[in-house]
Protein backbone atom coordinates (compact mmCIF):
# COMPACT_ATOMS: atom_id res chain seq x y z
CA UNK A 1 1.96 10.40 2.38
CA UNK A 2 3.72 11.73 5.45
CA UNK A 3 2.55 10.83 8.92
CA UNK A 4 0.10 13.25 10.44
CA UNK A 5 1.08 14.87 13.72
CA UNK A 6 -1.22 12.72 15.84
CA UNK A 7 0.15 9.60 14.23
CA UNK A 8 3.66 10.82 15.00
CA UNK A 9 2.66 11.26 18.63
CA UNK A 10 1.21 7.74 18.71
CA UNK A 11 4.34 6.30 17.10
CA UNK A 12 6.59 8.18 19.53
CA UNK A 13 4.54 6.75 22.40
CA UNK A 14 4.85 3.24 20.95
CA UNK A 15 8.63 3.54 20.60
CA UNK A 16 8.85 4.79 24.19
CA UNK A 17 6.88 1.78 25.44
CA UNK A 18 9.15 -0.62 23.56
CA UNK A 19 12.29 1.09 24.83
CA UNK A 20 11.10 1.01 28.43
CA UNK A 21 9.61 -2.49 28.18
CA UNK A 22 6.18 -1.30 29.34
CA UNK A 23 3.64 -2.82 26.99
CA UNK A 24 0.01 -1.81 26.60
CA UNK A 25 -2.55 -4.60 27.03
CA UNK A 26 -3.76 -3.90 23.49
CA UNK A 27 -2.32 -2.54 20.25
CA UNK A 28 -4.24 -1.51 17.16
CA UNK A 29 -1.86 -1.15 14.21
CA UNK A 30 -3.56 -0.09 11.00
CA UNK A 31 -2.92 1.60 7.67
CA UNK A 32 -1.68 0.95 4.16
CA UNK A 33 2.01 0.56 5.07
CA UNK A 34 2.07 -3.17 5.79
CA UNK A 35 5.85 -3.35 6.15
CA UNK A 36 5.84 -1.03 9.17
CA UNK A 37 2.84 -2.80 10.69
CA UNK A 38 4.68 -6.12 10.41
CA UNK A 39 7.82 -4.57 11.86
CA UNK A 40 6.07 -3.31 14.97
CA UNK A 41 4.00 -6.48 15.40
CA UNK A 42 7.33 -8.29 15.51
CA UNK A 43 8.87 -5.86 17.99
CA UNK A 44 5.92 -6.18 20.37
CA UNK A 45 5.91 -9.97 19.99
CA UNK A 46 9.61 -10.13 20.81
CA UNK A 47 8.82 -8.59 24.21
CA UNK A 48 6.29 -11.30 25.11
CA UNK A 49 8.27 -14.52 25.86
CA UNK A 50 6.58 -17.69 24.62
CA UNK A 51 7.85 -19.76 27.58
CA UNK A 52 8.95 -22.54 25.23
CA UNK A 53 5.30 -23.24 24.34
CA UNK A 54 4.52 -21.03 21.31
CA UNK A 55 1.55 -23.21 20.38
CA UNK A 56 -0.14 -22.07 23.60
CA UNK A 57 1.32 -18.60 24.10
CA UNK A 58 1.32 -17.33 20.50
CA UNK A 59 -2.22 -17.27 19.14
CA UNK A 60 -2.76 -15.91 15.61
CA UNK A 61 -6.22 -15.46 14.10
CA UNK A 62 -6.33 -14.15 10.54
CA UNK A 63 -9.21 -13.24 8.25
CA UNK A 64 -12.70 -11.83 8.48
CA UNK A 65 -14.53 -15.15 8.88
CA UNK A 66 -13.27 -16.26 12.30
CA UNK A 67 -16.19 -17.39 14.55
CA UNK A 68 -16.67 -15.39 17.72
CA UNK A 69 -16.19 -18.62 19.69
CA UNK A 70 -12.55 -18.83 18.53
CA UNK A 71 -11.89 -15.30 19.66
CA UNK A 72 -13.55 -16.12 22.97
CA UNK A 73 -11.38 -19.22 23.45
CA UNK A 74 -8.23 -17.19 22.73
CA UNK A 75 -9.30 -14.41 25.09
CA UNK A 76 -10.10 -16.76 27.97
CA UNK A 77 -7.12 -19.14 27.66
CA UNK A 78 -4.25 -19.03 30.16
CA UNK A 79 -0.55 -18.67 29.28
CA UNK A 80 1.63 -21.72 29.86
CA UNK A 81 4.96 -21.48 31.74
CA UNK A 82 5.15 -17.71 31.24
CA UNK A 83 3.50 -14.56 32.56
CA UNK A 84 1.79 -13.46 29.35
CA UNK A 85 0.39 -14.78 26.11
CA UNK A 86 0.15 -12.92 22.81
CA UNK A 87 -2.95 -12.79 20.61
CA UNK A 88 -2.27 -11.51 17.09
CA UNK A 89 -5.47 -10.74 15.15
CA UNK A 90 -4.83 -9.85 11.50
CA UNK A 91 -7.19 -8.34 8.89
CA UNK A 92 -10.28 -9.21 10.90
CA UNK A 93 -12.38 -6.32 9.62
CA UNK A 94 -13.64 -5.81 13.17
CA UNK A 95 -13.09 -2.07 13.01
CA UNK A 96 -14.91 -1.53 9.72
CA UNK A 97 -18.70 -1.33 9.17
CA UNK A 98 -20.03 -4.86 9.55
CA UNK A 99 -22.36 -6.56 7.08
CA UNK A 100 -23.76 -10.00 7.67
CA UNK A 101 -23.32 -12.70 5.05
CA UNK A 102 -25.04 -16.08 4.89
CA UNK A 103 -22.11 -17.84 6.63
CA UNK A 104 -22.17 -15.54 9.67
CA UNK A 105 -23.56 -17.08 12.83
CA UNK A 106 -23.68 -13.69 14.52
CA UNK A 107 -25.42 -10.49 13.48
CA UNK A 108 -23.48 -7.20 13.23
CA UNK A 109 -25.17 -6.12 16.46
CA UNK A 110 -24.05 -9.31 18.24
CA UNK A 111 -20.49 -8.83 16.99
CA UNK A 112 -20.46 -5.23 18.17
CA UNK A 113 -21.74 -6.26 21.60
CA UNK A 114 -19.20 -9.10 21.80
CA UNK A 115 -16.23 -6.86 20.98
CA UNK A 116 -17.40 -3.99 23.12
CA UNK A 117 -17.32 -6.36 26.09
CA UNK A 118 -13.97 -7.94 25.14
CA UNK A 119 -12.24 -4.60 24.69
CA UNK A 120 -13.36 -3.56 28.15
CA UNK A 121 -11.88 -6.69 29.71
CA UNK A 122 -8.32 -7.62 28.78
CA UNK A 123 -6.52 -9.83 31.30
CA UNK A 124 -3.18 -8.80 32.79
CA UNK A 125 -1.70 -11.99 31.34
CA UNK A 126 -2.57 -11.05 27.74
CA UNK A 127 -1.21 -8.71 25.07
CA UNK A 128 -3.52 -8.30 22.06
CA UNK A 129 -2.37 -6.95 18.70
CA UNK A 130 -4.94 -6.01 16.08
CA UNK A 131 -3.21 -5.75 12.70
CA UNK A 132 -5.60 -4.17 10.20
CA UNK A 133 -5.25 -2.72 6.70
CA UNK A 134 -8.17 -0.35 7.27
CA UNK A 135 -10.41 0.83 10.11
CA UNK A 136 -13.28 3.25 10.61
CA UNK A 137 -11.97 5.84 13.05
CA UNK A 138 -15.51 7.05 13.69
CA UNK A 139 -16.62 3.63 14.89
CA UNK A 140 -17.40 2.74 18.47
CA UNK A 141 -15.06 -0.25 18.44
CA UNK A 142 -12.12 1.78 17.15
CA UNK A 143 -12.62 4.32 19.90
CA UNK A 144 -12.93 1.55 22.49
CA UNK A 145 -9.69 -0.08 21.29
CA UNK A 146 -7.81 3.24 21.27
CA UNK A 147 -9.03 3.87 24.83
CA UNK A 148 -8.05 0.37 26.00
CA UNK A 149 -4.54 0.46 24.54
CA UNK A 150 -2.38 2.07 21.86
CA UNK A 151 -3.58 2.80 18.32
CA UNK A 152 -1.02 3.67 15.65
CA UNK A 153 -1.71 4.43 11.99
CA UNK A 154 0.95 3.56 9.41
CA UNK A 155 0.50 5.44 6.14
CA UNK A 156 2.85 5.31 3.18
CA UNK A 157 5.93 7.39 3.89
CA UNK A 158 6.68 10.61 2.07
CA UNK A 159 9.31 10.59 -0.68
CA UNK A 160 11.81 12.27 1.66
CA UNK A 161 11.20 9.69 4.40
CA UNK A 162 11.58 6.85 1.89
CA UNK A 163 14.94 8.24 0.75
CA UNK A 164 16.06 8.48 4.38
CA UNK A 165 14.94 4.88 4.95
CA UNK A 166 16.86 3.62 1.89
CA UNK A 167 20.03 5.45 2.90
CA UNK A 168 19.79 4.00 6.42
CA UNK A 169 19.41 0.46 5.07
CA UNK A 170 22.51 1.00 2.96
CA UNK A 171 24.47 2.31 5.92
CA UNK A 172 23.42 -0.73 7.96
CA UNK A 173 24.73 -2.98 5.18
CA UNK A 174 27.87 -0.85 4.75
CA UNK A 175 26.94 -0.12 1.14
CA UNK A 176 27.32 3.35 -0.38
CA UNK A 177 24.40 5.00 -2.15
CA UNK A 178 23.87 8.67 -2.88
CA UNK A 179 20.62 10.40 -1.94
CA UNK A 180 20.06 11.13 -5.61
CA UNK A 181 20.25 7.44 -6.48
CA UNK A 182 18.10 6.56 -3.49
CA UNK A 183 15.44 8.97 -4.76
CA UNK A 184 15.67 7.47 -8.24
CA UNK A 185 15.10 4.01 -6.75
CA UNK A 186 12.06 5.29 -4.82
CA UNK A 187 10.50 6.71 -8.00
CA UNK A 188 10.71 3.34 -9.78
CA UNK A 189 8.93 1.25 -7.12
CA UNK A 190 5.28 0.70 -6.33
CA UNK A 191 4.06 2.32 -3.09
CA UNK A 192 4.95 0.58 0.14
CA UNK A 193 8.15 -0.39 1.89
CA UNK A 194 7.64 -4.08 1.04
CA UNK A 195 8.16 -3.35 -2.66
CA UNK A 196 11.06 -1.00 -1.99
CA UNK A 197 12.69 -3.46 0.39
CA UNK A 198 12.46 -6.30 -2.16
CA UNK A 199 14.14 -4.21 -4.85
CA UNK A 200 16.79 -2.94 -2.45
CA UNK A 201 17.65 -6.51 -1.42
CA UNK A 202 18.11 -7.39 -5.10
CA UNK A 203 20.59 -4.51 -5.35
CA UNK A 204 22.46 -5.66 -2.23
CA UNK A 205 22.89 -9.09 -3.80
CA UNK A 206 24.02 -7.64 -7.12
CA UNK A 207 26.27 -4.80 -5.99
CA UNK A 208 29.51 -4.82 -4.03
CA UNK A 209 30.31 -1.71 -2.00
CA UNK A 210 28.31 0.93 -3.86
CA UNK A 211 24.98 1.14 -5.69
CA UNK A 212 25.11 3.29 -8.82
CA UNK A 213 22.28 4.54 -11.02
CA UNK A 214 23.36 2.09 -13.72
CA UNK A 215 22.94 -0.76 -11.20
CA UNK A 216 19.41 0.43 -10.40
CA UNK A 217 18.53 0.59 -14.11
CA UNK A 218 19.91 -2.90 -14.65
CA UNK A 219 18.46 -4.68 -11.60
CA UNK A 220 15.28 -2.97 -10.41
CA UNK A 221 11.89 -3.98 -11.80
CA UNK A 222 9.96 -0.83 -12.68
CA UNK A 223 6.46 -0.58 -11.31
CA UNK A 224 3.63 -0.84 -13.81
CA UNK A 225 2.75 2.75 -12.93
CA UNK A 226 6.21 3.91 -14.01
CA UNK A 227 5.98 1.92 -17.26
CA UNK A 228 2.52 3.39 -17.88
CA UNK A 229 3.97 6.88 -17.48
CA UNK A 230 6.69 6.05 -20.02
CA UNK A 231 3.92 5.08 -22.43
CA UNK A 232 1.93 8.21 -21.57
CA UNK A 233 4.97 10.43 -22.11
CA UNK A 234 5.61 8.86 -25.52
CA UNK A 235 1.97 9.47 -26.48
CA UNK A 236 2.15 13.06 -25.22
CA UNK A 237 5.20 13.84 -27.38
CA UNK A 238 3.84 12.00 -30.40
CA UNK A 239 6.74 9.53 -30.33
CA UNK A 240 5.08 6.51 -31.90
CA UNK A 241 8.28 4.45 -32.07
CA UNK A 242 8.92 4.91 -28.35
CA UNK A 243 5.27 4.16 -27.50
CA UNK A 244 5.32 0.91 -29.47
CA UNK A 245 8.70 -0.05 -27.95
CA UNK A 246 7.33 0.35 -24.40
CA UNK A 247 4.21 -1.57 -25.36
CA UNK A 248 6.32 -4.32 -26.92
CA UNK A 249 8.26 -4.67 -23.68
CA UNK A 250 5.04 -5.08 -21.74
CA UNK A 251 3.86 -7.73 -24.20
CA UNK A 252 7.17 -9.60 -23.89
CA UNK A 253 6.70 -9.71 -20.13
CA UNK A 254 3.30 -11.38 -20.72
CA UNK A 255 1.42 -8.51 -19.16
CA UNK A 256 -2.31 -8.59 -19.76
CA UNK A 257 -3.46 -6.47 -22.68
CA UNK A 258 -6.63 -5.62 -20.79
CA UNK A 259 -4.63 -4.82 -17.66
CA UNK A 260 -2.43 -2.45 -19.66
CA UNK A 261 -5.44 -0.88 -21.34
CA UNK A 262 -7.16 -0.14 -18.05
CA UNK A 263 -3.94 1.15 -16.51
CA UNK A 264 -3.76 3.61 -19.41
CA UNK A 265 -7.41 4.47 -18.83
CA UNK A 266 -6.68 5.19 -15.18
CA UNK A 267 -3.77 7.43 -16.22
CA UNK A 268 -5.85 9.36 -18.72
CA UNK A 269 -8.71 9.78 -16.23
CA UNK A 270 -6.31 11.23 -13.67
CA UNK A 271 -4.72 13.51 -16.25
CA UNK A 272 -8.20 14.72 -17.22
CA UNK A 273 -9.03 15.37 -13.57
CA UNK A 274 -5.89 17.50 -13.29
CA UNK A 275 -6.96 19.49 -16.36
CA UNK A 276 -10.45 20.00 -14.94
CA UNK A 277 -9.07 21.21 -11.60
CA UNK A 278 -7.14 23.88 -13.46
CA UNK A 279 -5.20 26.22 -11.17
CA UNK A 280 -6.14 24.50 -7.91
CA UNK A 281 -3.29 24.24 -5.38
CA UNK A 282 -0.95 21.31 -6.00
CA UNK A 283 -1.69 19.65 -2.64
CA UNK A 284 -5.44 19.72 -3.40
CA UNK A 285 -4.89 18.10 -6.80
CA UNK A 286 -2.67 15.38 -5.33
CA UNK A 287 -5.26 14.70 -2.60
CA UNK A 288 -8.01 14.43 -5.24
CA UNK A 289 -5.90 11.98 -7.26
CA UNK A 290 -5.27 9.84 -4.18
CA UNK A 291 -1.59 9.32 -5.01
CA UNK A 292 1.70 9.97 -3.28
CA UNK A 293 3.50 13.30 -3.80
CA UNK A 294 5.92 12.10 -6.52
CA UNK A 295 3.27 10.40 -8.66
CA UNK A 296 0.89 13.32 -8.10
CA UNK A 297 3.45 15.82 -9.34
CA UNK A 298 4.11 13.56 -12.33
CA UNK A 299 0.41 13.70 -13.27
CA UNK A 300 0.38 17.48 -12.90
CA UNK A 301 3.45 17.87 -15.11
CA UNK A 302 2.18 15.40 -17.73
CA UNK A 303 -1.26 17.00 -17.91
CA UNK A 304 0.29 20.19 -19.28
CA UNK A 305 1.17 18.31 -22.45
CA UNK A 306 -2.38 17.15 -23.20
CA UNK A 307 -5.47 18.85 -24.50
CA UNK A 308 -8.58 18.22 -22.38
CA UNK A 309 -10.67 17.25 -25.42
CA UNK A 310 -8.04 14.68 -26.46
CA UNK A 311 -8.05 13.17 -22.98
CA UNK A 312 -11.87 12.92 -23.03
CA UNK A 313 -11.62 11.07 -26.35
CA UNK A 314 -8.96 8.70 -24.96
CA UNK A 315 -11.15 7.87 -21.96
CA UNK A 316 -14.26 7.33 -24.07
CA UNK A 317 -12.41 5.23 -26.65
CA UNK A 318 -11.53 2.52 -24.10
CA UNK A 319 -15.17 1.46 -23.75
CA UNK A 320 -15.44 1.09 -27.53
CA UNK A 321 -12.27 -1.03 -27.68
CA UNK A 322 -13.43 -3.17 -24.77
CA UNK A 323 -16.68 -3.94 -26.60
CA UNK A 324 -14.89 -4.72 -29.89
CA UNK A 325 -12.59 -7.23 -28.16
CA UNK A 326 -15.41 -8.90 -26.25
CA UNK A 327 -17.44 -9.26 -29.45
CA UNK A 328 -14.46 -10.92 -31.13
CA UNK A 329 -14.03 -8.21 -33.79
CA UNK A 330 -10.36 -7.69 -32.89
CA UNK A 331 -7.67 -9.38 -30.80
CA UNK A 332 -6.64 -7.92 -27.43
CA UNK A 333 -3.10 -6.87 -28.32
CA UNK A 334 -4.07 -5.73 -31.82
CA UNK A 335 -6.72 -3.51 -30.25
CA UNK A 336 -4.29 -2.14 -27.70
CA UNK A 337 -1.62 -1.38 -30.31
CA UNK A 338 -4.22 0.38 -32.47
CA UNK A 339 -5.39 2.39 -29.45
CA UNK A 340 -1.84 3.47 -28.61
CA UNK A 341 -1.26 4.64 -32.18
CA UNK A 342 -4.56 6.55 -32.18
CA UNK A 343 -3.69 8.20 -28.87
CA UNK A 344 -0.21 9.11 -30.14
CA UNK A 345 -1.75 10.89 -33.10
CA UNK A 346 -4.14 12.80 -30.81
CA UNK A 347 -1.86 13.21 -27.83
CA UNK A 348 0.14 16.30 -28.60
CA UNK A 349 -1.31 19.48 -27.10
């Protein structure tokens, strides 16, 4: 998903602050793209010297079960031998709707009051970074944090931006890679720059001077989503031998039979949704699927090869197979192999 305009503006503002060395007292980095969040947490942290005493001037609090007293201690502490301290708060859940559990000492109302007060009062000797996977933008605390400092959302990059990123990494390493091969690499990886970066580093270690498509095919681990599409395509074309070959590869890798079954179910449910949406605009279908552009287009293309009634049968059949396995009437992999063969026979439109 490409950045929205407001997010671009926020990111431009953040880059400007870093370039000029003028930090906000507070940063709220959030969104599904963890790699970029980590990158900018690091860049902000690099601009706050630890004074040789990181144990005092680098405070990290991670998780949703931190007592308010620990946050209070961090907030009120003084930096040692330097002008500022850094507080890095990761995946706290502070900016999502709060529900009390039995281990909480504070009610949601008390937490809200606590954070409302803290966000109003950030000392000049402190830089706070909230590093969150998800937030509620409608919430009072989100709005208070955005007002107190700089809030930047990091969504998954678009396919075009990912290709640009890959090419830049190659240039930095003085390794050649065509845009076509960069795009091919992007299509094989799970969403997120962390996954893409891991696979690209494997290629850097394997290749010398230039990365070719054959190198990518030899080195890169395909995402389960890509493998599931290979299985779906084989079912769609009625190619039983190919379907069983893909399934055999998954079994060799010790993938869970149930995991594979429910990945197929997810695929068939999405394909059925595409069929139901009919002639709706492509961007609406992709939004409804909740996928990135490349995967969304793949679902749209694949759906053309299936009959809606066959997809309904494939979805319904999973519940029957699940019950048969749990009752011990058939083994997991035997059931999955039988299901794949049944789907292959029904799959062709």
